[in-house]
Amino acid sequence: MNECIIGIGSNIDAGINISKMLEILGHDLKIIRVSTFINTNPVGITNQPDFTNGAVKIQTTLNKKELKRYLKKVEKQLGRGKSKEKYGPRTMDLDIVVWNGKIVDNDYYKRDFLKKSVDEIV
C-alpha cells in the first residue's frame, strides 16, 4: 500500500469542484485526511480569480505513475482542459507532493500555502 499527499488547487467553481473531486477520490482511493482549505493569490498570471488550495492524504495500491495518470483523468473529468497558460485558471489541479514519506514536488519548498497544507496532514 502506498501513502501519498496530493496538493489541490482550483479557481473555477472551487467549492463545487473540490467537493466533487473528494467524492471521486473517496470512491476510488482511501482518504486518510484532508487539510483545511485556504484562499491564495494567483501565481504567474495575476489577472484571474484567487485559488482555493489544500491537500489530501490518501492510500492506494496504484504506483506513482498510475496515480499520476488517474489524477489527470480526474482533472479532465472535472472540466480541466489543456491550457497554453501554465498558471492560468483551472477547475482542478492535482499534484503528487509526498510519496511514501518523501517530498517529490519542489513546489513544497516554494509555495508557503502548499507547505502549510501538507504539514497540517502529515
N, C-alpha and C. Protein backbone atom coordinates (compact mmCIF):
# COMPACT_ATOMS: atom_id res chain seq x y z
N MET A 1 0.86 -1.18 0.00
CA MET A 1 0.00 0.00 0.00
C MET A 1 0.90 1.23 0.00
N ASN A 2 0.60 2.17 -0.90
CA ASN A 2 1.35 3.42 -0.98
C ASN A 2 0.56 4.53 -0.29
N GLU A 3 1.29 5.42 0.38
CA GLU A 3 0.68 6.57 1.02
C GLU A 3 1.17 7.82 0.31
N CYS A 4 0.25 8.74 0.06
CA CYS A 4 0.56 9.88 -0.78
C CYS A 4 -0.19 11.11 -0.29
N ILE A 5 0.44 12.27 -0.46
CA ILE A 5 -0.26 13.53 -0.22
C ILE A 5 -0.35 14.25 -1.56
N ILE A 6 -1.58 14.64 -1.88
CA ILE A 6 -1.86 15.31 -3.15
C ILE A 6 -2.20 16.77 -2.88
N GLY A 7 -1.52 17.68 -3.57
CA GLY A 7 -1.84 19.09 -3.50
C GLY A 7 -3.05 19.37 -4.38
N ILE A 8 -3.93 20.25 -3.89
CA ILE A 8 -5.19 20.56 -4.57
C ILE A 8 -5.27 22.06 -4.83
N GLY A 9 -5.70 22.42 -6.02
CA GLY A 9 -5.93 23.83 -6.33
C GLY A 9 -7.05 24.00 -7.34
N SER A 10 -7.85 25.05 -7.15
CA SER A 10 -8.94 25.35 -8.08
C SER A 10 -9.30 26.82 -7.95
N ASN A 11 -9.60 27.46 -9.09
CA ASN A 11 -10.13 28.83 -9.03
C ASN A 11 -11.31 29.03 -9.97
N ILE A 12 -11.91 27.94 -10.40
CA ILE A 12 -13.15 27.99 -11.18
C ILE A 12 -14.16 27.11 -10.43
N ASP A 13 -15.19 27.74 -9.86
CA ASP A 13 -16.18 27.00 -9.06
C ASP A 13 -15.49 26.07 -8.06
N ALA A 14 -14.53 26.61 -7.32
CA ALA A 14 -13.67 25.82 -6.44
C ALA A 14 -14.45 24.97 -5.45
N GLY A 15 -15.42 25.55 -4.77
CA GLY A 15 -16.17 24.79 -3.77
C GLY A 15 -16.83 23.56 -4.36
N ILE A 16 -17.47 23.74 -5.49
CA ILE A 16 -18.17 22.63 -6.17
C ILE A 16 -17.17 21.60 -6.67
N ASN A 17 -16.11 22.07 -7.35
CA ASN A 17 -15.15 21.14 -7.94
C ASN A 17 -14.33 20.38 -6.90
N ILE A 18 -13.98 21.04 -5.80
CA ILE A 18 -13.23 20.34 -4.74
C ILE A 18 -14.11 19.29 -4.09
N SER A 19 -15.35 19.62 -3.86
CA SER A 19 -16.29 18.65 -3.28
C SER A 19 -16.45 17.43 -4.19
N LYS A 20 -16.64 17.66 -5.48
CA LYS A 20 -16.77 16.57 -6.45
C LYS A 20 -15.49 15.74 -6.50
N MET A 21 -14.34 16.41 -6.50
CA MET A 21 -13.06 15.71 -6.57
C MET A 21 -12.88 14.79 -5.36
N LEU A 22 -13.20 15.28 -4.16
CA LEU A 22 -13.07 14.45 -2.96
C LEU A 22 -14.01 13.26 -3.00
N GLU A 23 -15.19 13.46 -3.57
CA GLU A 23 -16.14 12.36 -3.73
C GLU A 23 -15.57 11.29 -4.67
N ILE A 24 -15.00 11.72 -5.79
CA ILE A 24 -14.41 10.79 -6.76
C ILE A 24 -13.24 10.05 -6.13
N LEU A 25 -12.31 10.79 -5.49
CA LEU A 25 -11.16 10.17 -4.86
C LEU A 25 -11.60 9.18 -3.78
N GLY A 26 -12.60 9.56 -2.98
CA GLY A 26 -13.09 8.70 -1.91
C GLY A 26 -13.70 7.41 -2.42
N HIS A 27 -14.21 7.45 -3.63
CA HIS A 27 -14.79 6.25 -4.25
C HIS A 27 -13.70 5.29 -4.71
N ASP A 28 -12.58 5.84 -5.20
CA ASP A 28 -11.53 5.02 -5.82
C ASP A 28 -10.31 4.78 -4.93
N LEU A 29 -10.07 5.65 -3.96
CA LEU A 29 -8.88 5.57 -3.10
C LEU A 29 -9.31 5.69 -1.64
N LYS A 30 -8.42 5.37 -0.73
CA LYS A 30 -8.72 5.53 0.69
C LYS A 30 -8.22 6.90 1.16
N ILE A 31 -9.15 7.79 1.50
CA ILE A 31 -8.78 9.11 2.00
C ILE A 31 -8.50 8.98 3.50
N ILE A 32 -7.32 9.43 3.91
CA ILE A 32 -6.89 9.36 5.30
C ILE A 32 -7.21 10.68 6.02
N ARG A 33 -6.88 11.80 5.34
CA ARG A 33 -7.06 13.10 5.97
C ARG A 33 -7.10 14.19 4.90
N VAL A 34 -7.89 15.22 5.17
CA VAL A 34 -8.00 16.37 4.27
C VAL A 34 -7.60 17.61 5.06
N SER A 35 -6.77 18.45 4.46
CA SER A 35 -6.32 19.67 5.12
C SER A 35 -7.43 20.72 5.12
N THR A 36 -7.19 21.77 5.84
CA THR A 36 -8.01 22.97 5.76
C THR A 36 -7.75 23.59 4.39
N PHE A 37 -8.78 24.18 3.79
CA PHE A 37 -8.60 24.86 2.50
C PHE A 37 -8.41 26.34 2.74
N ILE A 38 -7.50 26.93 1.97
CA ILE A 38 -7.18 28.36 2.12
C ILE A 38 -7.26 29.04 0.77
N ASN A 39 -7.62 30.32 0.78
CA ASN A 39 -7.63 31.11 -0.44
C ASN A 39 -6.26 31.75 -0.62
N THR A 40 -5.77 31.70 -1.85
CA THR A 40 -4.45 32.24 -2.17
C THR A 40 -4.52 33.10 -3.43
N ASN A 41 -3.61 34.04 -3.50
CA ASN A 41 -3.49 34.86 -4.71
C ASN A 41 -2.90 34.02 -5.83
N PRO A 42 -3.33 34.26 -7.07
CA PRO A 42 -2.75 33.51 -8.20
C PRO A 42 -1.27 33.81 -8.36
N VAL A 43 -0.53 32.82 -8.83
CA VAL A 43 0.90 32.95 -9.10
C VAL A 43 1.08 33.01 -10.61
N GLY A 44 1.98 33.86 -11.08
CA GLY A 44 2.25 33.95 -12.52
C GLY A 44 1.29 34.89 -13.21
N ILE A 45 0.13 34.41 -13.54
CA ILE A 45 -0.91 35.23 -14.17
C ILE A 45 -1.81 35.74 -13.04
N THR A 46 -1.69 37.02 -12.73
CA THR A 46 -2.39 37.56 -11.57
C THR A 46 -3.80 38.08 -11.89
N ASN A 47 -4.12 38.25 -13.17
CA ASN A 47 -5.43 38.77 -13.57
C ASN A 47 -6.43 37.61 -13.71
N GLN A 48 -6.73 36.96 -12.59
CA GLN A 48 -7.67 35.85 -12.55
C GLN A 48 -8.15 35.71 -11.11
N PRO A 49 -9.21 34.94 -10.88
CA PRO A 49 -9.72 34.77 -9.50
C PRO A 49 -8.69 34.11 -8.59
N ASP A 50 -8.82 34.36 -7.28
CA ASP A 50 -7.98 33.69 -6.30
C ASP A 50 -8.21 32.19 -6.36
N PHE A 51 -7.22 31.44 -5.88
CA PHE A 51 -7.31 29.99 -5.83
C PHE A 51 -7.75 29.53 -4.45
N THR A 52 -8.36 28.37 -4.40
CA THR A 52 -8.60 27.65 -3.17
C THR A 52 -7.63 26.48 -3.20
N ASN A 53 -6.79 26.38 -2.16
CA ASN A 53 -5.76 25.34 -2.12
C ASN A 53 -5.85 24.53 -0.84
N GLY A 54 -5.39 23.30 -0.94
CA GLY A 54 -5.33 22.41 0.20
C GLY A 54 -4.59 21.14 -0.19
N ALA A 55 -4.76 20.10 0.62
CA ALA A 55 -4.10 18.83 0.34
C ALA A 55 -4.95 17.69 0.90
N VAL A 56 -4.74 16.51 0.33
CA VAL A 56 -5.43 15.32 0.81
C VAL A 56 -4.41 14.19 0.91
N LYS A 57 -4.48 13.46 2.01
CA LYS A 57 -3.61 12.30 2.23
C LYS A 57 -4.40 11.05 1.91
N ILE A 58 -3.83 10.20 1.06
CA ILE A 58 -4.55 9.01 0.61
C ILE A 58 -3.66 7.77 0.72
N GLN A 59 -4.30 6.60 0.66
CA GLN A 59 -3.60 5.34 0.50
C GLN A 59 -4.12 4.70 -0.77
N THR A 60 -3.21 4.06 -1.51
CA THR A 60 -3.59 3.45 -2.77
C THR A 60 -2.68 2.27 -3.10
N THR A 61 -3.21 1.34 -3.87
CA THR A 61 -2.39 0.24 -4.39
C THR A 61 -1.75 0.64 -5.72
N LEU A 62 -2.16 1.79 -6.28
CA LEU A 62 -1.56 2.26 -7.54
C LEU A 62 -0.10 2.65 -7.30
N ASN A 63 0.74 2.47 -8.32
CA ASN A 63 2.09 3.00 -8.22
C ASN A 63 2.05 4.48 -8.60
N LYS A 64 3.16 5.17 -8.45
CA LYS A 64 3.18 6.63 -8.65
C LYS A 64 2.77 7.02 -10.06
N LYS A 65 3.23 6.31 -11.05
CA LYS A 65 2.89 6.62 -12.44
C LYS A 65 1.39 6.42 -12.69
N GLU A 66 0.85 5.33 -12.17
CA GLU A 66 -0.58 5.04 -12.33
C GLU A 66 -1.42 6.10 -11.62
N LEU A 67 -0.98 6.51 -10.42
CA LEU A 67 -1.72 7.53 -9.68
C LEU A 67 -1.71 8.85 -10.42
N LYS A 68 -0.57 9.21 -10.98
CA LYS A 68 -0.47 10.47 -11.74
C LYS A 68 -1.44 10.45 -12.92
N ARG A 69 -1.51 9.34 -13.62
CA ARG A 69 -2.45 9.19 -14.74
C ARG A 69 -3.89 9.29 -14.25
N TYR A 70 -4.18 8.66 -13.12
CA TYR A 70 -5.51 8.71 -12.52
C TYR A 70 -5.89 10.15 -12.18
N LEU A 71 -4.97 10.90 -11.57
CA LEU A 71 -5.25 12.28 -11.18
C LEU A 71 -5.52 13.16 -12.40
N LYS A 72 -4.80 12.94 -13.49
CA LYS A 72 -5.05 13.69 -14.73
C LYS A 72 -6.44 13.38 -15.27
N LYS A 73 -6.85 12.13 -15.14
CA LYS A 73 -8.20 11.73 -15.57
C LYS A 73 -9.27 12.43 -14.73
N VAL A 74 -9.03 12.54 -13.42
CA VAL A 74 -9.98 13.23 -12.54
C VAL A 74 -10.04 14.71 -12.91
N GLU A 75 -8.88 15.34 -13.15
CA GLU A 75 -8.86 16.75 -13.57
C GLU A 75 -9.70 16.94 -14.83
N LYS A 76 -9.50 16.07 -15.80
CA LYS A 76 -10.24 16.16 -17.06
C LYS A 76 -11.74 15.95 -16.83
N GLN A 77 -12.08 14.99 -15.98
CA GLN A 77 -13.49 14.71 -15.66
C GLN A 77 -14.16 15.94 -15.05
N LEU A 78 -13.38 16.75 -14.33
CA LEU A 78 -13.92 17.96 -13.71
C LEU A 78 -13.81 19.19 -14.61
N GLY A 79 -13.47 18.97 -15.87
CA GLY A 79 -13.50 20.05 -16.84
C GLY A 79 -12.20 20.77 -17.11
N ARG A 80 -11.09 20.25 -16.61
CA ARG A 80 -9.82 20.90 -16.90
C ARG A 80 -9.38 20.54 -18.31
N GLY A 81 -9.15 21.59 -19.09
CA GLY A 81 -8.69 21.38 -20.45
C GLY A 81 -7.21 21.61 -20.55
N LYS A 82 -6.68 21.46 -21.73
CA LYS A 82 -5.27 21.72 -21.98
C LYS A 82 -5.09 23.21 -22.23
N SER A 83 -4.55 23.91 -21.25
CA SER A 83 -4.34 25.35 -21.37
C SER A 83 -2.91 25.64 -21.80
N LYS A 84 -2.75 26.63 -22.63
CA LYS A 84 -1.41 27.06 -23.02
C LYS A 84 -0.77 27.88 -21.91
N GLU A 85 -1.60 28.38 -20.99
CA GLU A 85 -1.12 29.20 -19.89
C GLU A 85 -0.84 28.30 -18.69
N LYS A 86 0.45 28.13 -18.37
CA LYS A 86 0.85 27.25 -17.28
C LYS A 86 0.17 27.63 -15.96
N TYR A 87 0.04 28.90 -15.67
CA TYR A 87 -0.53 29.34 -14.40
C TYR A 87 -1.92 29.95 -14.57
N GLY A 88 -2.61 29.54 -15.61
CA GLY A 88 -3.94 30.09 -15.89
C GLY A 88 -5.01 29.48 -15.01
N PRO A 89 -6.25 29.98 -15.17
CA PRO A 89 -7.38 29.47 -14.38
C PRO A 89 -7.62 27.99 -14.64
N ARG A 90 -8.14 27.30 -13.61
CA ARG A 90 -8.40 25.87 -13.77
C ARG A 90 -9.49 25.40 -12.83
N THR A 91 -10.24 24.42 -13.31
CA THR A 91 -11.28 23.82 -12.47
C THR A 91 -10.64 22.97 -11.38
N MET A 92 -9.53 22.31 -11.72
CA MET A 92 -8.88 21.43 -10.75
C MET A 92 -7.42 21.22 -11.13
N ASP A 93 -6.56 21.26 -10.11
CA ASP A 93 -5.15 20.95 -10.28
C ASP A 93 -4.78 19.99 -9.16
N LEU A 94 -4.33 18.81 -9.52
CA LEU A 94 -3.96 17.77 -8.55
C LEU A 94 -2.52 17.34 -8.81
N ASP A 95 -1.68 17.46 -7.79
CA ASP A 95 -0.27 17.11 -7.94
C ASP A 95 0.19 16.26 -6.77
N ILE A 96 0.95 15.22 -7.08
CA ILE A 96 1.56 14.40 -6.03
C ILE A 96 2.68 15.22 -5.41
N VAL A 97 2.58 15.46 -4.11
CA VAL A 97 3.59 16.26 -3.40
C VAL A 97 4.47 15.37 -2.53
N VAL A 98 3.87 14.41 -1.85
CA VAL A 98 4.62 13.48 -0.99
C VAL A 98 4.24 12.06 -1.40
N TRP A 99 5.27 11.24 -1.61
CA TRP A 99 5.05 9.85 -1.98
C TRP A 99 5.78 8.97 -0.97
N ASN A 100 5.03 8.19 -0.21
CA ASN A 100 5.59 7.29 0.81
C ASN A 100 6.61 8.01 1.70
N GLY A 101 6.22 9.18 2.18
CA GLY A 101 7.03 9.94 3.13
C GLY A 101 8.11 10.81 2.52
N LYS A 102 8.27 10.78 1.21
CA LYS A 102 9.32 11.58 0.55
C LYS A 102 8.68 12.69 -0.28
N ILE A 103 9.18 13.92 -0.10
CA ILE A 103 8.69 15.05 -0.88
C ILE A 103 9.18 14.89 -2.31
N VAL A 104 8.24 14.88 -3.26
CA VAL A 104 8.58 14.65 -4.67
C VAL A 104 8.20 15.84 -5.56
N ASP A 105 7.70 16.92 -4.96
CA ASP A 105 7.34 18.12 -5.72
C ASP A 105 8.03 19.31 -5.07
N ASN A 106 8.95 19.93 -5.82
CA ASN A 106 9.72 21.06 -5.28
C ASN A 106 8.87 22.27 -4.94
N ASP A 107 7.63 22.34 -5.45
CA ASP A 107 6.75 23.44 -5.09
C ASP A 107 6.47 23.46 -3.58
N TYR A 108 6.65 22.32 -2.93
CA TYR A 108 6.50 22.26 -1.47
C TYR A 108 7.42 23.29 -0.81
N TYR A 109 8.61 23.46 -1.35
CA TYR A 109 9.60 24.39 -0.79
C TYR A 109 9.38 25.83 -1.26
N LYS A 110 8.65 26.00 -2.35
CA LYS A 110 8.48 27.34 -2.95
C LYS A 110 7.16 28.01 -2.60
N ARG A 111 6.15 27.23 -2.25
CA ARG A 111 4.80 27.77 -2.03
C ARG A 111 4.40 27.53 -0.57
N ASP A 112 4.35 28.62 0.20
CA ASP A 112 4.03 28.51 1.63
C ASP A 112 2.68 27.83 1.86
N PHE A 113 1.68 28.16 1.02
CA PHE A 113 0.35 27.57 1.21
C PHE A 113 0.39 26.06 1.04
N LEU A 114 1.21 25.56 0.12
CA LEU A 114 1.31 24.12 -0.11
C LEU A 114 2.02 23.46 1.07
N LYS A 115 3.10 24.06 1.51
CA LYS A 115 3.84 23.52 2.67
C LYS A 115 2.93 23.46 3.89
N LYS A 116 2.18 24.53 4.12
CA LYS A 116 1.27 24.58 5.27
C LYS A 116 0.21 23.50 5.20
N SER A 117 -0.38 23.30 4.02
CA SER A 117 -1.43 22.27 3.85
C SER A 117 -0.86 20.86 4.03
N VAL A 118 0.30 20.62 3.45
CA VAL A 118 0.93 19.29 3.57
C VAL A 118 1.32 19.04 5.02
N ASP A 119 1.99 20.01 5.65
CA ASP A 119 2.44 19.83 7.03
C ASP A 119 1.27 19.58 7.98
N GLU A 120 0.12 20.18 7.68
CA GLU A 120 -1.06 20.01 8.53
C GLU A 120 -1.52 18.55 8.58
N ILE A 121 -1.38 17.82 7.48
CA ILE A 121 -1.91 16.45 7.44
C ILE A 121 -0.83 15.36 7.53
N VAL A 122 0.42 15.77 7.65
CA VAL A 122 1.48 14.79 7.84
C VAL A 122 1.32 14.21 9.21
